[in-house]
Amino acid sequence: MRMYDLIMKKRNGGVLCDDEINFMVNGYTAGKIPDYQMSAMTMAIYFQGMNEEETLALTMAMAKSGDMLDLSDIHGVKVDKHSTGGVGDKTSLALTPMVAAAGVTVAKMSGRGLGHTGGTIDKLESFSGFSTAMSEQQFRDNVNRIGIAIMGQTADLAPADKKLYALRDVTATVDNMSLIASSIMSKKLAAGADAIVLDVKTGSGAFMKEEADSFALAHEMVRIGNGAGRRTIAVVSDMDQPLGCAVGNALEVKEAIDALRGNGPDDFVELCMTLGAYMLVAGGKAENKEEAEKILAGVIQDGSALDKLAAFVEAQGGDKELVYHPERLPQAAIVQEITSPSDGYIQKIVCDEIGMCSLILGGGRETKESAIDLSVGLVLHKKVGDSVKKGDALATIYANDQTKLALAQERFLNAYLIDKTPVKKKPLIKGIVME
């Protein structure tokens, strides 16, 4: 078998079989197939596409290119959740303890953020002492003991994807549905969960800007997951404005704690309840979404979800008292309101620009080596559809540097469109994909 022949076959619109895809992925991972041939293949795939069977085969080959986490000694159905990312997306911080408190085990691998805010791990490190560095045995023990653990992604998890994504990133071949879906799902399948619930974002703050593309990606990933024998459900949710109100690491942790106390922003709570309900259904704890939502409401009302977060934080070395006293989380030195320049209604928020404000303040990474300031960020007081008077607070900004504060404030005001015409609020949940 020669890579040259496979490139020609795909270039001419042919369908690659499982053996050919395995040969290609294994050879590239081992360094036997050079970058120039794999870049030719990804360009051929970009233009010719892949069918459902090819996409599943590519995903499985990448998943099996490194370690496949064995979670068989963890009790019950293991359910994982993945978000395609957005601004203010702190969902895992509240969702995972809710689901664990409801009796479904959550064994999750997460990464650090590169962009406007930190990833789940960075946010969790707002709890002093918290660490995701643990052995696989510790990871399994924690899940069995308290129902939840989050571990940093290991270097040996789907190494083919890491190598292939870096190549796609510099050869203009990132934007292909099969390649995007296989990249995401290869890591999820390698992480060993029995069921996967996906939060696929759509809008200006999302990777997929158009709703049709988001649904196409959701269908692609669900087909891969189900084809691999993992029950997979996707929720397509709006990211045309930040999720909730808080954008920034410790600020998002505080908002997640508010949600577990029953005081979270409506949109954030709605998303947590929706994703959590499908996680409970996938985990066999509820027959349908309505029954599952009642269970989730119960674990918030009786405080067990908040206690589960505290137990999880403590099990991974963090100070659990910060869960009950979030005012002790990292605090910025400068707190300033941004006020509205006019009367009217919030017509639009350029979502990714709000993320850039957090990045300017120091809440995200411009490079992998960048240090994150966990205390900075913004809390929005007005969102799309809200009425506003001149001088009303649009947001509170948290900073540790006056120059960065000024830059972020200017960018923030340019991201808000205020007009006299009332605007209808859009639904948060765009749809559910199960096949």
Protein backbone atom coordinates (compact mmCIF):
# COMPACT_ATOMS: atom_id res chain seq x y z
CA MET A 1 0.00 0.00 0.00
CA ARG A 2 1.37 3.44 -0.97
CA MET A 3 0.30 6.86 0.28
CA TYR A 4 0.70 8.19 -3.27
CA ASP A 5 -2.06 5.85 -4.47
CA LEU A 6 -4.38 6.81 -1.60
CA ILE A 7 -3.92 10.52 -2.32
CA MET A 8 -4.77 9.94 -5.98
CA LYS A 9 -7.78 7.82 -5.08
CA LYS A 10 -9.24 10.50 -2.80
CA ARG A 11 -8.30 13.32 -5.20
CA ASN A 12 -10.34 11.56 -7.88
CA GLY A 13 -13.36 11.18 -5.58
CA GLY A 14 -12.80 7.60 -4.46
CA VAL A 15 -13.81 6.11 -1.12
CA LEU A 16 -11.05 4.98 1.23
CA CYS A 17 -11.58 1.65 3.01
CA ASP A 18 -10.83 1.03 6.70
CA ASP A 19 -7.46 -0.61 5.99
CA GLU A 20 -6.35 2.32 3.85
CA ILE A 21 -7.36 4.85 6.50
CA ASN A 22 -5.61 2.84 9.24
CA PHE A 23 -2.47 2.64 7.09
CA MET A 24 -2.54 6.40 6.56
CA VAL A 25 -3.17 7.37 10.21
CA ASN A 26 -0.72 4.88 11.71
CA GLY A 27 1.97 5.75 9.19
CA TYR A 28 1.61 9.47 9.77
CA THR A 29 1.59 9.11 13.56
CA ALA A 30 4.76 6.99 13.41
CA GLY A 31 6.52 9.51 11.15
CA LYS A 32 6.65 7.13 8.16
CA ILE A 33 4.36 9.31 6.05
CA PRO A 34 5.74 12.84 5.58
CA ASP A 35 3.84 16.08 6.18
CA TYR A 36 3.75 16.94 2.48
CA GLN A 37 1.87 13.75 1.61
CA MET A 38 -0.59 14.09 4.52
CA SER A 39 -1.22 17.74 3.63
CA ALA A 40 -2.01 16.64 0.07
CA MET A 41 -4.46 14.09 1.50
CA THR A 42 -6.18 16.61 3.80
CA MET A 43 -6.58 18.97 0.84
CA ALA A 44 -8.08 16.14 -1.23
CA ILE A 45 -10.46 15.37 1.65
CA TYR A 46 -11.29 19.08 1.95
CA PHE A 47 -12.47 19.20 -1.66
CA GLN A 48 -13.86 15.66 -2.11
CA GLY A 49 -15.27 15.09 1.39
CA MET A 50 -15.66 11.79 3.25
CA ASN A 51 -18.73 9.62 3.59
CA GLU A 52 -20.14 8.40 6.90
CA GLU A 53 -18.13 5.15 6.91
CA GLU A 54 -14.85 6.93 6.07
CA THR A 55 -15.42 9.53 8.79
CA LEU A 56 -16.06 6.85 11.43
CA ALA A 57 -13.00 4.89 10.30
CA LEU A 58 -10.82 8.02 10.49
CA THR A 59 -12.15 8.82 13.97
CA MET A 60 -11.53 5.31 15.28
CA ALA A 61 -8.03 5.19 13.77
CA MET A 62 -7.13 8.47 15.50
CA ALA A 63 -8.73 7.36 18.78
CA LYS A 64 -6.70 4.13 18.73
CA SER A 65 -3.43 5.89 17.78
CA GLY A 66 -2.57 6.23 21.48
CA ASP A 67 -3.98 5.24 24.85
CA MET A 68 -7.63 4.16 25.06
CA LEU A 69 -8.70 4.89 28.64
CA ASP A 70 -10.26 1.80 30.26
CA LEU A 71 -13.03 2.85 32.65
CA SER A 72 -14.57 -0.61 33.00
CA ASP A 73 -13.88 -0.78 36.74
CA ILE A 74 -15.88 2.41 37.37
CA HIS A 75 -19.39 1.62 38.59
CA GLY A 76 -22.40 2.52 36.45
CA VAL A 77 -22.76 4.21 33.08
CA LYS A 78 -20.03 6.80 32.52
CA VAL A 79 -21.34 9.91 30.74
CA ASP A 80 -19.07 12.59 29.28
CA LYS A 81 -19.96 16.07 28.09
CA HIS A 82 -18.18 18.17 25.48
CA SER A 83 -18.72 21.75 24.34
CA THR A 84 -17.43 23.19 21.09
CA GLY A 85 -16.63 26.34 23.08
CA GLY A 86 -17.78 29.90 23.41
CA VAL A 87 -17.69 33.04 25.53
CA GLY A 88 -18.66 32.60 29.19
CA ASP A 89 -19.01 28.85 28.73
CA LYS A 90 -18.54 27.65 32.30
CA THR A 91 -21.13 24.89 31.96
CA SER A 92 -18.98 21.98 33.19
CA LEU A 93 -18.37 23.74 36.51
CA ALA A 94 -22.05 23.52 37.48
CA LEU A 95 -23.28 20.71 35.24
CA THR A 96 -20.92 17.94 36.33
CA PRO A 97 -21.68 18.19 40.08
CA MET A 98 -25.41 18.39 39.29
CA VAL A 99 -25.24 15.17 37.25
CA ALA A 100 -23.01 13.40 39.78
CA ALA A 101 -25.33 14.40 42.64
CA ALA A 102 -28.19 12.89 40.63
CA GLY A 103 -26.37 9.55 40.53
CA VAL A 104 -24.70 9.48 37.10
CA THR A 105 -20.91 9.12 37.13
CA VAL A 106 -18.89 11.74 35.29
CA ALA A 107 -15.34 10.79 34.27
CA LYS A 108 -14.06 13.70 32.22
CA MET A 109 -10.86 14.80 30.54
CA SER A 110 -10.51 18.53 29.96
CA GLY A 111 -7.93 20.90 28.60
CA ARG A 112 -6.60 24.37 29.16
CA GLY A 113 -7.84 27.30 27.15
CA LEU A 114 -6.06 29.04 24.30
CA GLY A 115 -7.93 32.24 23.51
CA HIS A 116 -10.23 34.63 25.31
CA THR A 117 -10.58 32.75 28.62
CA GLY A 118 -9.10 29.72 30.27
CA GLY A 119 -10.43 26.22 29.79
CA THR A 120 -12.26 24.20 32.44
CA ILE A 121 -8.99 23.26 34.15
CA ASP A 122 -7.83 26.89 34.36
CA LYS A 123 -11.16 27.93 35.87
CA LEU A 124 -11.04 25.14 38.43
CA GLU A 125 -7.58 26.31 39.48
CA SER A 126 -9.32 29.37 40.94
CA PHE A 127 -9.74 26.99 43.89
CA SER A 128 -6.33 27.21 45.57
CA GLY A 129 -4.52 23.87 45.50
CA PHE A 130 -6.79 22.28 42.87
CA SER A 131 -4.99 19.94 40.48
CA THR A 132 -5.94 17.70 37.59
CA ALA A 133 -2.54 15.97 37.67
CA MET A 134 -3.34 12.44 38.81
CA SER A 135 -2.74 8.85 37.83
CA GLU A 136 -5.41 6.95 35.93
CA GLN A 137 -5.98 4.85 39.05
CA GLN A 138 -6.57 7.96 41.18
CA PHE A 139 -8.92 9.22 38.49
CA ARG A 140 -10.95 6.00 38.58
CA ASP A 141 -10.90 5.88 42.40
CA ASN A 142 -12.24 9.43 42.65
CA VAL A 143 -15.07 8.69 40.25
CA ASN A 144 -16.04 5.56 42.18
CA ARG A 145 -15.85 7.37 45.51
CA ILE A 146 -17.60 10.67 44.79
CA GLY A 147 -19.05 10.20 41.29
CA ILE A 148 -16.94 12.79 39.50
CA ALA A 149 -13.34 13.48 38.48
CA ILE A 150 -11.75 15.75 35.88
CA MET A 151 -8.28 14.95 34.63
CA GLY A 152 -5.99 16.83 32.27
CA GLN A 153 -5.69 15.33 28.82
CA THR A 154 -2.70 13.00 28.58
CA ALA A 155 -0.12 13.36 25.83
CA ASP A 156 -0.87 9.82 24.67
CA LEU A 157 -4.59 10.44 24.10
CA ALA A 158 -5.29 10.46 20.33
CA PRO A 159 -1.79 11.66 19.31
CA ALA A 160 -2.73 11.30 15.64
CA ASP A 161 -5.32 14.03 16.09
CA LYS A 162 -2.85 16.39 17.73
CA LYS A 163 -0.39 15.93 14.89
CA LEU A 164 -3.00 16.10 12.15
CA TYR A 165 -4.70 19.19 13.59
CA ALA A 166 -1.39 21.07 13.71
CA LEU A 167 -0.91 20.23 10.03
CA ARG A 168 -4.46 21.25 9.06
CA ASP A 169 -4.00 24.53 10.94
CA VAL A 170 -1.17 25.62 8.62
CA THR A 171 -2.53 24.18 5.37
CA ALA A 172 -6.01 25.82 5.32
CA THR A 173 -7.79 22.48 5.80
CA VAL A 174 -9.34 22.96 9.24
CA ASP A 175 -12.78 23.83 7.87
CA ASN A 176 -14.06 20.44 6.73
CA MET A 177 -16.97 18.79 8.54
CA SER A 178 -15.55 15.25 8.57
CA LEU A 179 -12.14 16.44 9.76
CA ILE A 180 -13.64 18.67 12.49
CA ALA A 181 -16.00 15.95 13.73
CA SER A 182 -13.37 13.21 13.73
CA SER A 183 -10.93 15.48 15.60
CA ILE A 184 -13.40 16.14 18.42
CA MET A 185 -14.82 12.64 18.62
CA SER A 186 -11.48 10.79 18.50
CA LYS A 187 -10.56 12.34 21.87
CA LYS A 188 -13.99 11.66 23.34
CA LEU A 189 -13.93 8.01 22.28
CA ALA A 190 -10.37 7.54 23.57
CA ALA A 191 -11.44 8.98 26.94
CA GLY A 192 -13.55 5.88 27.58
CA ALA A 193 -17.06 7.16 28.41
CA ASP A 194 -20.09 4.96 27.69
CA ALA A 195 -22.25 7.89 26.56
CA ILE A 196 -21.49 11.40 25.30
CA VAL A 197 -23.60 14.56 25.39
CA LEU A 198 -22.38 17.31 23.06
CA ASP A 199 -23.05 21.05 23.34
CA VAL A 200 -22.62 22.39 19.82
CA LYS A 201 -22.52 26.19 19.82
CA THR A 202 -23.72 28.42 17.00
CA GLY A 203 -23.32 32.16 16.45
CA SER A 204 -20.77 34.96 16.50
CA GLY A 205 -18.96 33.63 19.58
CA ALA A 206 -18.81 30.04 18.31
CA PHE A 207 -16.51 28.11 16.02
CA MET A 208 -19.51 27.48 13.76
CA LYS A 209 -21.06 30.87 12.96
CA GLU A 210 -24.02 29.57 10.92
CA GLU A 211 -26.83 27.51 12.43
CA ALA A 212 -26.98 25.12 9.46
CA ASP A 213 -23.27 24.33 9.86
CA SER A 214 -23.71 23.72 13.60
CA PHE A 215 -26.51 21.23 12.96
CA ALA A 216 -24.43 19.53 10.27
CA LEU A 217 -21.54 19.15 12.71
CA ALA A 218 -23.90 17.89 15.43
CA HIS A 219 -25.32 15.21 13.10
CA GLU A 220 -21.82 14.19 12.00
CA MET A 221 -20.58 13.76 15.58
CA VAL A 222 -23.70 11.95 16.75
CA ARG A 223 -23.40 9.50 13.86
CA ILE A 224 -19.76 8.87 14.76
CA GLY A 225 -20.54 8.31 18.45
CA ASN A 226 -23.47 6.01 17.81
CA GLY A 227 -21.48 4.18 15.12
CA ALA A 228 -18.74 3.56 17.68
CA GLY A 229 -21.25 2.05 20.10
CA ARG A 230 -21.50 5.06 22.44
CA ARG A 231 -24.90 6.61 22.99
CA THR A 232 -24.44 10.17 21.73
CA ILE A 233 -26.78 13.16 21.91
CA ALA A 234 -26.10 16.73 20.74
CA VAL A 235 -27.71 19.95 21.93
CA VAL A 236 -27.31 22.91 19.55
CA SER A 237 -27.25 26.11 21.60
CA ASP A 238 -26.97 29.82 20.89
CA MET A 239 -23.63 31.64 21.18
CA ASP A 240 -24.56 34.96 19.57
CA GLN A 241 -24.01 36.50 22.99
CA PRO A 242 -22.05 35.32 26.04
CA LEU A 243 -23.54 32.50 28.08
CA GLY A 244 -24.74 33.76 31.45
CA CYS A 245 -23.26 37.03 32.66
CA ALA A 246 -19.70 36.27 33.81
CA VAL A 247 -16.72 36.14 31.42
CA GLY A 248 -13.42 35.39 33.13
CA ASN A 249 -12.11 32.51 35.18
CA ALA A 250 -12.86 33.12 38.88
CA LEU A 251 -15.92 35.19 37.92
CA GLU A 252 -17.30 32.21 35.99
CA VAL A 253 -16.62 29.93 38.96
CA LYS A 254 -18.65 32.28 41.15
CA GLU A 255 -21.51 32.25 38.65
CA ALA A 256 -21.46 28.43 38.55
CA ILE A 257 -21.67 28.37 42.35
CA ASP A 258 -24.60 30.82 42.18
CA ALA A 259 -26.34 28.40 39.79
CA LEU A 260 -25.81 25.49 42.20
CA ARG A 261 -27.40 27.67 44.91
CA GLY A 262 -30.42 28.25 42.68
CA ASN A 263 -29.48 31.83 41.74
CA GLY A 264 -27.82 31.48 38.34
CA PRO A 265 -28.66 33.48 35.19
CA ASP A 266 -31.67 32.07 33.35
CA ASP A 267 -29.85 31.11 30.13
CA PHE A 268 -26.98 29.42 31.95
CA VAL A 269 -29.36 27.45 34.17
CA GLU A 270 -31.48 26.47 31.14
CA LEU A 271 -28.44 25.07 29.34
CA CYS A 272 -27.21 23.18 32.43
CA MET A 273 -30.68 21.69 32.94
CA THR A 274 -30.98 20.68 29.27
CA LEU A 275 -27.54 19.10 28.97
CA GLY A 276 -27.86 17.53 32.43
CA ALA A 277 -31.25 16.05 31.57
CA TYR A 278 -29.86 14.28 28.51
CA MET A 279 -26.88 13.07 30.55
CA LEU A 280 -29.30 11.53 33.06
CA VAL A 281 -31.32 9.94 30.25
CA ALA A 282 -28.14 8.57 28.65
CA GLY A 283 -27.01 7.32 32.06
CA GLY A 284 -30.27 5.47 32.65
CA LYS A 285 -31.38 7.59 35.63
CA ALA A 286 -34.45 9.02 33.90
CA GLU A 287 -36.83 7.94 31.17
CA ASN A 288 -37.18 11.37 29.59
CA LYS A 289 -36.06 14.99 29.75
CA GLU A 290 -38.93 16.12 31.96
CA GLU A 291 -38.28 13.48 34.62
CA ALA A 292 -34.57 14.23 34.51
CA GLU A 293 -35.08 17.97 34.97
CA LYS A 294 -37.13 17.32 38.12
CA ILE A 295 -34.26 15.25 39.53
CA LEU A 296 -31.76 18.00 38.71
CA ALA A 297 -33.95 20.68 40.26
CA GLY A 298 -34.07 18.52 43.39
CA VAL A 299 -30.28 18.25 43.78
CA ILE A 300 -30.01 22.04 43.52
CA GLN A 301 -32.84 22.63 45.98
CA ASP A 302 -31.51 20.23 48.64
CA GLY A 303 -27.93 21.50 48.30
CA SER A 304 -26.45 18.14 47.29
CA ALA A 305 -25.14 19.49 43.96
CA LEU A 306 -23.21 22.26 45.77
CA ASP A 307 -21.88 19.71 48.27
CA LYS A 308 -20.82 17.48 45.36
CA LEU A 309 -18.79 20.36 43.90
CA ALA A 310 -17.11 20.83 47.28
CA ALA A 311 -16.30 17.10 47.56
CA PHE A 312 -14.92 17.09 44.02
CA VAL A 313 -12.73 20.15 44.65
CA GLU A 314 -11.40 18.67 47.90
CA ALA A 315 -10.68 15.27 46.30
CA GLN A 316 -8.42 17.01 43.78
CA GLY A 317 -6.49 19.05 46.33
CA GLY A 318 -8.53 22.25 46.29
CA ASP A 319 -9.89 24.29 49.18
CA LYS A 320 -13.53 23.22 49.42
CA GLU A 321 -14.35 26.16 51.73
CA LEU A 322 -14.15 28.43 48.68
CA VAL A 323 -17.25 26.66 47.32
CA TYR A 324 -19.18 27.89 50.35
CA HIS A 325 -17.34 31.23 50.50
CA PRO A 326 -16.80 32.27 46.85
CA GLU A 327 -15.97 35.82 47.96
CA ARG A 328 -12.55 34.38 48.87
CA LEU A 329 -11.82 33.37 45.26
CA PRO A 330 -9.20 35.48 43.39
CA GLN A 331 -10.25 39.14 43.29
CA ALA A 332 -9.16 41.92 40.94
CA ALA A 333 -7.83 45.20 42.35
CA ILE A 334 -9.86 47.45 40.02
CA VAL A 335 -13.65 47.19 39.73
CA GLN A 336 -15.38 49.62 37.37
CA GLU A 337 -18.79 49.91 35.75
CA ILE A 338 -19.24 50.44 32.02
CA THR A 339 -22.33 52.57 31.43
CA SER A 340 -24.65 52.94 28.47
CA PRO A 341 -24.02 55.94 26.19
CA SER A 342 -27.70 56.15 25.16
CA ASP A 343 -31.30 55.03 25.75
CA GLY A 344 -32.74 52.11 23.82
CA TYR A 345 -32.61 48.33 23.54
CA ILE A 346 -29.64 46.01 23.25
CA GLN A 347 -29.92 44.95 19.60
CA LYS A 348 -26.77 42.89 19.35
CA ILE A 349 -23.64 41.92 21.25
CA VAL A 350 -20.64 40.95 19.12
CA CYS A 351 -19.94 37.90 21.24
CA ASP A 352 -16.35 37.15 20.31
CA GLU A 353 -15.44 40.80 21.01
CA ILE A 354 -16.54 40.35 24.63
CA GLY A 355 -14.19 37.38 24.73
CA MET A 356 -11.42 39.61 23.40
CA CYS A 357 -12.05 42.06 26.25
CA SER A 358 -11.32 39.25 28.71
CA LEU A 359 -8.17 38.35 26.77
CA ILE A 360 -6.96 41.97 26.85
CA LEU A 361 -7.47 42.08 30.63
CA GLY A 362 -5.32 38.95 30.98
CA GLY A 363 -8.05 36.36 31.39
CA GLY A 364 -6.94 34.21 28.45
CA ARG A 365 -3.87 33.03 26.56
CA GLU A 366 -2.48 34.46 23.35
CA THR A 367 0.12 31.65 23.28
CA LYS A 368 0.41 28.34 25.12
CA GLU A 369 3.10 29.92 27.34
CA SER A 370 0.92 32.89 28.44
CA ALA A 371 0.10 33.16 32.14
CA ILE A 372 -3.60 33.66 32.99
CA ASP A 373 -4.84 36.21 35.53
CA LEU A 374 -7.69 34.25 37.16
CA SER A 375 -9.25 37.32 38.80
CA VAL A 376 -10.00 39.52 35.78
CA GLY A 377 -12.97 39.64 33.41
CA LEU A 378 -16.43 41.11 33.02
CA VAL A 379 -19.92 40.61 34.41
CA LEU A 380 -22.67 41.70 32.02
CA HIS A 381 -25.78 43.44 33.38
CA LYS A 382 -27.61 43.90 30.07
CA LYS A 383 -28.05 41.36 27.28
CA VAL A 384 -29.81 41.22 23.91
CA GLY A 385 -33.43 42.41 24.12
CA ASP A 386 -32.99 44.28 27.40
CA SER A 387 -34.00 47.94 27.62
CA VAL A 388 -31.43 50.45 28.84
CA LYS A 389 -31.27 54.11 29.86
CA LYS A 390 -28.30 56.38 29.33
CA GLY A 391 -25.96 55.93 32.28
CA ASP A 392 -27.25 52.45 33.20
CA ALA A 393 -24.56 49.88 33.93
CA LEU A 394 -23.99 47.60 30.94
CA ALA A 395 -21.32 45.60 32.72
CA THR A 396 -18.81 45.61 35.55
CA ILE A 397 -15.22 45.16 34.52
CA TYR A 398 -12.58 43.58 36.77
CA ALA A 399 -8.95 44.46 36.08
CA ASN A 400 -5.48 44.70 37.59
CA ASP A 401 -4.00 47.15 35.08
CA GLN A 402 -5.35 50.60 34.14
CA THR A 403 -4.04 50.49 30.57
CA LYS A 404 -5.64 47.10 29.91
CA LEU A 405 -8.84 48.35 31.54
CA ALA A 406 -9.04 51.31 29.14
CA LEU A 407 -8.43 49.12 26.09
CA ALA A 408 -11.02 46.55 27.18
CA GLN A 409 -13.61 49.22 27.98
CA GLU A 410 -13.31 50.79 24.52
CA ARG A 411 -13.59 47.41 22.83
CA PHE A 412 -16.58 46.48 24.99
CA LEU A 413 -18.57 49.58 24.02
CA ASN A 414 -17.91 48.90 20.33
CA ALA A 415 -19.31 45.36 20.80
CA TYR A 416 -22.73 46.60 22.03
CA LEU A 417 -25.30 47.82 19.48
CA ILE A 418 -28.04 49.94 21.12
CA ASP A 419 -31.06 51.16 19.13
CA LYS A 420 -34.52 52.58 19.82
CA THR A 421 -36.29 49.57 18.26
CA PRO A 422 -37.34 46.73 20.60
CA VAL A 423 -35.82 43.37 19.68
CA LYS A 424 -37.15 39.89 20.33
CA LYS A 425 -34.94 37.59 22.42
CA LYS A 426 -33.81 34.46 20.57
CA PRO A 427 -34.22 30.96 22.04
CA LEU A 428 -31.11 29.52 23.68
CA ILE A 429 -31.72 25.90 22.61
CA LYS A 430 -31.86 25.59 18.84
CA GLY A 431 -32.50 21.85 18.70
CA ILE A 432 -31.58 18.32 19.82
CA VAL A 433 -29.80 15.82 17.56
CA MET A 434 -29.95 12.10 18.34
CA GLU A 435 -29.09 10.53 14.97
